[in-house]
Amino acid sequence: MSNADTVIAALRSGYDDLAEVVEKLSDAELTGPSGAAEWDISQVLSHLGSGAEIMTSTVRAAFDGNPALGGDYNQSVWDRWNAMSPKERADGFVEKNETLIALFESLDATQREELRIELGYLPEPADVATVGRMRLNEFALHSWDVRAGLDEKATVAPEAVVELLEGPNNLIGWISKPAALNGSFSVIQVTTSEPASELTLHLNDPVSIDNAPADNADGTLTLPAEAWLRLLAGRLRPQYTPEGIQTTGAASLDTLRQVFAGY
């Protein structure tokens, strides 16, 4: 399968699993804390639902050869979702994400390869695999937010981990906070399991990652791949950290949590 195929399949699997959870949530659970520090579960679902609605219009615009609707439309969607009750957000999440994934699934092989989608915040239109992977990153991590509110031992879906671990790391310099390094710089060898991979983390300004082993590392970090992805997204606070993570030398979980404090 192409990259677009596997990304869309991971989106479908993740959605089906989370929708089953969401449909069973009580009002109390919907307004309970999530893994996102400042949002309850219904607010996470609002974010995923409004994002799905906006992306659906964006993909359809590209498919029809029209420009994306842009800022005023996006704001109107967010305002409407912000005004919903927790139950309306949950129901809307189920509906709008099904619509988006069904739209991705409806694209034929040629469209999955050749369609270019204007997102507005990238320098040029992106292909379906790139846009789908960006949505998968958003969906997988916020799906974890929902699950972590119900179970602190929740993990990111394996299908998403495989796709996201192999994806580009060109946003790391934008989402990281090198000021937390206080002027110190180091190279960290990162080794993940499930799936196995070796990466090099450059704690510099800007922070960067190479999808290859380090030649001369100042420290090592060994952890499950899903925990690595959560660390980069600011979702590896102590209560959500699995046992068995190992660090040596200049690698420090406390420092890394500050560098990757969330976005």
Protein backbone atom coordinates (compact mmCIF):
# COMPACT_ATOMS: atom_id res chain seq x y z
CA MET A 1 0.00 0.00 0.00
CA SER A 2 1.09 3.61 -0.53
CA ASN A 3 1.84 5.95 2.35
CA ALA A 4 -1.60 7.52 1.91
CA ASP A 5 -3.21 4.09 2.12
CA THR A 6 -1.54 3.16 5.41
CA VAL A 7 -2.17 6.57 6.95
CA ILE A 8 -5.86 6.44 6.05
CA ALA A 9 -6.10 2.89 7.41
CA ALA A 10 -4.55 4.06 10.69
CA LEU A 11 -7.02 6.94 10.87
CA ARG A 12 -9.92 4.53 10.37
CA SER A 13 -8.68 2.11 13.03
CA GLY A 14 -8.02 4.87 15.55
CA TYR A 15 -11.39 6.48 14.96
CA ASP A 16 -13.36 3.24 15.23
CA ASP A 17 -11.67 2.40 18.53
CA LEU A 18 -12.14 5.84 20.06
CA ALA A 19 -15.71 6.25 18.83
CA GLU A 20 -16.59 3.04 20.67
CA VAL A 21 -15.18 4.52 23.87
CA VAL A 22 -16.81 7.92 23.40
CA GLU A 23 -20.27 6.52 22.77
CA LYS A 24 -20.20 4.90 26.24
CA LEU A 25 -18.98 7.93 28.22
CA SER A 26 -21.23 9.30 30.94
CA ASP A 27 -21.85 13.02 31.44
CA ALA A 28 -19.51 12.93 34.44
CA GLU A 29 -16.73 11.31 32.39
CA LEU A 30 -17.17 13.83 29.58
CA THR A 31 -16.56 16.69 32.00
CA GLY A 32 -13.75 14.88 33.81
CA PRO A 33 -10.03 15.59 33.31
CA SER A 34 -8.19 14.41 30.23
CA GLY A 35 -4.50 13.91 29.51
CA ALA A 36 -4.44 17.48 28.15
CA ALA A 37 -3.72 19.58 31.21
CA GLU A 38 -6.17 22.41 30.48
CA TRP A 39 -9.04 20.49 28.83
CA ASP A 40 -11.72 18.13 30.04
CA ILE A 41 -12.59 15.16 27.83
CA SER A 42 -15.45 16.98 26.08
CA GLN A 43 -13.09 19.81 25.15
CA VAL A 44 -10.66 17.34 23.61
CA LEU A 45 -13.55 15.88 21.60
CA SER A 46 -14.56 19.41 20.58
CA HIS A 47 -11.04 20.01 19.29
CA LEU A 48 -11.07 16.76 17.31
CA GLY A 49 -14.59 17.32 16.02
CA SER A 50 -14.09 20.92 14.91
CA GLY A 51 -10.74 19.97 13.36
CA ALA A 52 -12.41 17.17 11.41
CA GLU A 53 -15.11 19.53 10.17
CA ILE A 54 -12.56 22.10 9.01
CA MET A 55 -10.33 19.50 7.35
CA THR A 56 -13.32 17.98 5.55
CA SER A 57 -14.12 21.35 3.98
CA THR A 58 -10.44 21.83 3.12
CA VAL A 59 -10.09 18.45 1.39
CA ARG A 60 -13.37 18.91 -0.46
CA ALA A 61 -12.25 22.35 -1.65
CA ALA A 62 -9.05 20.83 -3.04
CA PHE A 63 -11.00 18.02 -4.68
CA ASP A 64 -13.37 20.55 -6.31
CA GLY A 65 -10.53 22.88 -7.34
CA ASN A 66 -11.65 25.66 -4.98
CA PRO A 67 -9.62 27.67 -2.44
CA ALA A 68 -9.90 26.71 1.22
CA LEU A 69 -12.48 28.71 3.17
CA GLY A 70 -9.91 30.12 5.58
CA GLY A 71 -9.85 32.01 8.86
CA ASP A 72 -13.38 33.40 9.23
CA TYR A 73 -14.90 30.02 8.46
CA ASN A 74 -12.56 28.25 10.87
CA GLN A 75 -13.41 30.68 13.65
CA SER A 76 -17.13 30.20 13.10
CA VAL A 77 -16.67 26.43 13.45
CA TRP A 78 -14.66 26.79 16.66
CA ASP A 79 -17.23 29.21 18.11
CA ARG A 80 -20.06 26.79 17.40
CA TRP A 81 -18.24 23.86 18.99
CA ASN A 82 -17.25 25.94 22.02
CA ALA A 83 -20.93 26.66 22.61
CA MET A 84 -21.96 22.99 22.55
CA SER A 85 -22.80 20.92 25.61
CA PRO A 86 -20.44 18.07 26.50
CA LYS A 87 -22.86 15.50 25.05
CA GLU A 88 -23.23 17.49 21.82
CA ARG A 89 -19.44 17.59 21.50
CA ALA A 90 -19.23 13.82 21.93
CA ASP A 91 -21.96 13.18 19.36
CA GLY A 92 -20.44 15.71 16.98
CA PHE A 93 -17.02 14.11 17.32
CA VAL A 94 -18.43 10.78 16.19
CA GLU A 95 -20.28 12.30 13.23
CA LYS A 96 -17.63 14.69 11.89
CA ASN A 97 -14.69 12.32 12.16
CA GLU A 98 -16.62 9.58 10.37
CA THR A 99 -17.34 12.07 7.59
CA LEU A 100 -13.69 13.06 7.25
CA ILE A 101 -12.33 9.53 7.23
CA ALA A 102 -14.98 8.38 4.77
CA LEU A 103 -13.91 11.25 2.51
CA PHE A 104 -10.26 10.14 2.66
CA GLU A 105 -11.34 6.57 1.98
CA SER A 106 -13.36 7.66 -1.06
CA LEU A 107 -10.26 8.98 -2.85
CA ASP A 108 -9.08 6.63 -5.59
CA ALA A 109 -5.45 5.63 -6.15
CA THR A 110 -4.75 8.50 -8.55
CA GLN A 111 -6.27 11.09 -6.22
CA ARG A 112 -4.30 9.74 -3.27
CA GLU A 113 -1.10 10.25 -5.26
CA GLU A 114 -1.82 13.43 -7.19
CA LEU A 115 -4.29 15.55 -5.19
CA ARG A 116 -2.68 18.59 -3.54
CA ILE A 117 -4.36 20.24 -0.57
CA GLU A 118 -3.85 23.87 0.46
CA LEU A 119 -3.70 24.13 4.26
CA GLY A 120 -2.81 27.80 4.50
CA TYR A 121 0.07 27.42 6.95
CA LEU A 122 2.47 25.40 4.79
CA PRO A 123 4.59 27.01 2.05
CA GLU A 124 2.87 24.95 -0.65
CA PRO A 125 -0.05 22.53 -1.06
CA ALA A 126 0.57 19.09 0.44
CA ASP A 127 -0.24 15.61 -0.82
CA VAL A 128 -2.83 13.34 0.77
CA ALA A 129 -0.25 11.30 2.69
CA THR A 130 1.19 14.42 4.31
CA VAL A 131 -2.19 15.91 5.20
CA GLY A 132 -3.44 12.55 6.44
CA ARG A 133 -0.34 12.06 8.58
CA MET A 134 -0.76 15.51 10.12
CA ARG A 135 -4.35 14.61 10.98
CA LEU A 136 -3.22 11.25 12.33
CA ASN A 137 -0.69 12.94 14.59
CA GLU A 138 -3.41 15.23 15.94
CA PHE A 139 -5.93 12.44 16.28
CA ALA A 140 -3.63 9.87 17.88
CA LEU A 141 -2.33 12.21 20.56
CA HIS A 142 -5.73 13.67 21.44
CA SER A 143 -7.20 10.18 21.42
CA TRP A 144 -4.58 9.41 24.04
CA ASP A 145 -5.74 12.52 25.94
CA VAL A 146 -9.24 11.05 26.16
CA ARG A 147 -8.04 7.61 27.19
CA ALA A 148 -5.53 8.97 29.71
CA GLY A 149 -8.37 10.75 31.48
CA LEU A 150 -9.88 7.33 32.07
CA ASP A 151 -6.67 5.31 32.54
CA GLU A 152 -3.23 6.77 33.35
CA LYS A 153 -1.57 3.75 31.70
CA ALA A 154 -3.14 4.52 28.30
CA THR A 155 -0.86 4.35 25.25
CA VAL A 156 -0.92 5.68 21.70
CA ALA A 157 -2.48 3.28 19.19
CA PRO A 158 0.16 0.97 17.64
CA GLU A 159 -1.02 1.62 14.06
CA ALA A 160 -0.50 5.35 14.55
CA VAL A 161 2.89 4.88 16.25
CA VAL A 162 4.30 3.06 13.19
CA GLU A 163 3.20 5.86 10.85
CA LEU A 164 4.23 8.76 13.07
CA LEU A 165 7.60 7.34 14.08
CA GLU A 166 8.62 7.17 10.43
CA GLY A 167 7.23 10.59 9.58
CA PRO A 168 9.21 13.80 9.05
CA ASN A 169 10.62 15.65 12.06
CA ASN A 170 10.68 19.12 10.52
CA LEU A 171 8.32 20.60 13.12
CA ILE A 172 10.55 19.77 16.10
CA GLY A 173 12.41 23.05 15.90
CA TRP A 174 9.09 24.89 16.00
CA ILE A 175 7.38 23.04 18.86
CA SER A 176 10.42 22.61 21.15
CA LYS A 177 11.64 25.07 23.75
CA PRO A 178 15.47 25.20 23.60
CA ALA A 179 15.53 27.98 26.22
CA ALA A 180 14.98 25.20 28.78
CA LEU A 181 18.51 23.97 27.99
CA ASN A 182 19.99 27.11 29.60
CA GLY A 183 22.66 27.29 26.93
CA SER A 184 23.86 23.70 27.22
CA PHE A 185 23.96 21.52 24.11
CA SER A 186 24.16 17.74 23.77
CA VAL A 187 23.54 14.83 21.41
CA ILE A 188 21.28 12.04 22.64
CA GLN A 189 21.07 8.55 21.16
CA VAL A 190 17.39 7.52 21.24
CA THR A 191 16.49 3.84 20.99
CA THR A 192 12.82 2.86 20.78
CA SER A 193 10.97 -0.43 21.01
CA GLU A 194 7.64 -1.50 19.48
CA PRO A 195 8.73 -0.73 16.83
CA ALA A 196 12.49 -0.73 17.16
CA SER A 197 14.31 2.32 15.85
CA GLU A 198 17.41 4.41 16.47
CA LEU A 199 17.36 8.19 16.26
CA THR A 200 19.62 11.08 17.15
CA LEU A 201 18.23 13.98 19.19
CA HIS A 202 20.24 17.18 18.92
CA LEU A 203 19.51 19.30 21.99
CA ASN A 204 20.64 22.54 20.45
CA ASP A 205 19.02 25.75 19.25
CA PRO A 206 17.12 24.79 17.20
CA VAL A 207 16.37 21.29 18.48
CA SER A 208 16.47 18.69 15.71
CA ILE A 209 16.16 14.93 15.14
CA ASP A 210 17.93 12.66 12.66
CA ASN A 211 16.37 9.31 11.74
CA ALA A 212 19.73 7.58 12.19
CA PRO A 213 21.97 6.47 15.09
CA ALA A 214 24.27 9.02 16.71
CA ASP A 215 28.00 8.91 15.95
CA ASN A 216 29.18 10.48 19.21
CA ALA A 217 26.39 10.69 21.79
CA ASP A 218 26.57 12.54 25.10
CA GLY A 219 23.82 10.36 26.54
CA THR A 220 21.22 7.73 25.72
CA LEU A 221 17.45 7.42 26.05
CA THR A 222 15.73 4.03 25.70
CA LEU A 223 11.94 3.84 25.75
CA PRO A 224 8.84 2.51 23.95
CA ALA A 225 8.16 4.27 20.66
CA GLU A 226 4.74 5.45 21.81
CA ALA A 227 6.29 7.04 24.90
CA TRP A 228 8.85 8.79 22.68
CA LEU A 229 6.05 10.29 20.60
CA ARG A 230 4.25 11.41 23.73
CA LEU A 231 7.45 12.93 25.11
CA LEU A 232 7.82 15.06 21.97
CA ALA A 233 4.21 16.20 22.36
CA GLY A 234 4.48 17.11 26.04
CA ARG A 235 2.51 14.08 27.18
CA LEU A 236 5.03 12.20 29.29
CA ARG A 237 4.43 13.80 32.66
CA PRO A 238 5.47 11.59 35.60
CA GLN A 239 2.03 10.06 36.16
CA TYR A 240 1.90 8.98 32.50
CA THR A 241 5.47 7.64 32.27
CA PRO A 242 5.75 3.87 31.83
CA GLU A 243 8.22 1.85 33.84
CA GLY A 244 11.51 0.79 32.30
CA ILE A 245 12.59 4.00 30.56
CA GLN A 246 16.38 4.22 30.76
CA THR A 247 18.66 7.26 30.49
CA THR A 248 22.42 7.68 30.67
CA GLY A 249 24.83 10.59 30.53
CA ALA A 250 23.40 13.93 29.43
CA ALA A 251 19.91 12.49 28.83
CA SER A 252 17.51 13.66 31.53
CA LEU A 253 13.76 13.11 31.48
CA ASP A 254 13.22 16.24 33.57
CA THR A 255 15.10 18.36 31.03
CA LEU A 256 13.41 16.69 28.07
CA ARG A 257 10.00 17.33 29.59
CA GLN A 258 10.86 21.03 29.74
CA VAL A 259 12.20 21.12 26.19
CA PHE A 260 9.07 19.36 24.92
CA ALA A 261 6.49 20.97 27.17
CA GLY A 262 3.57 20.53 24.80
CA TYR A 263 1.86 22.31 21.93
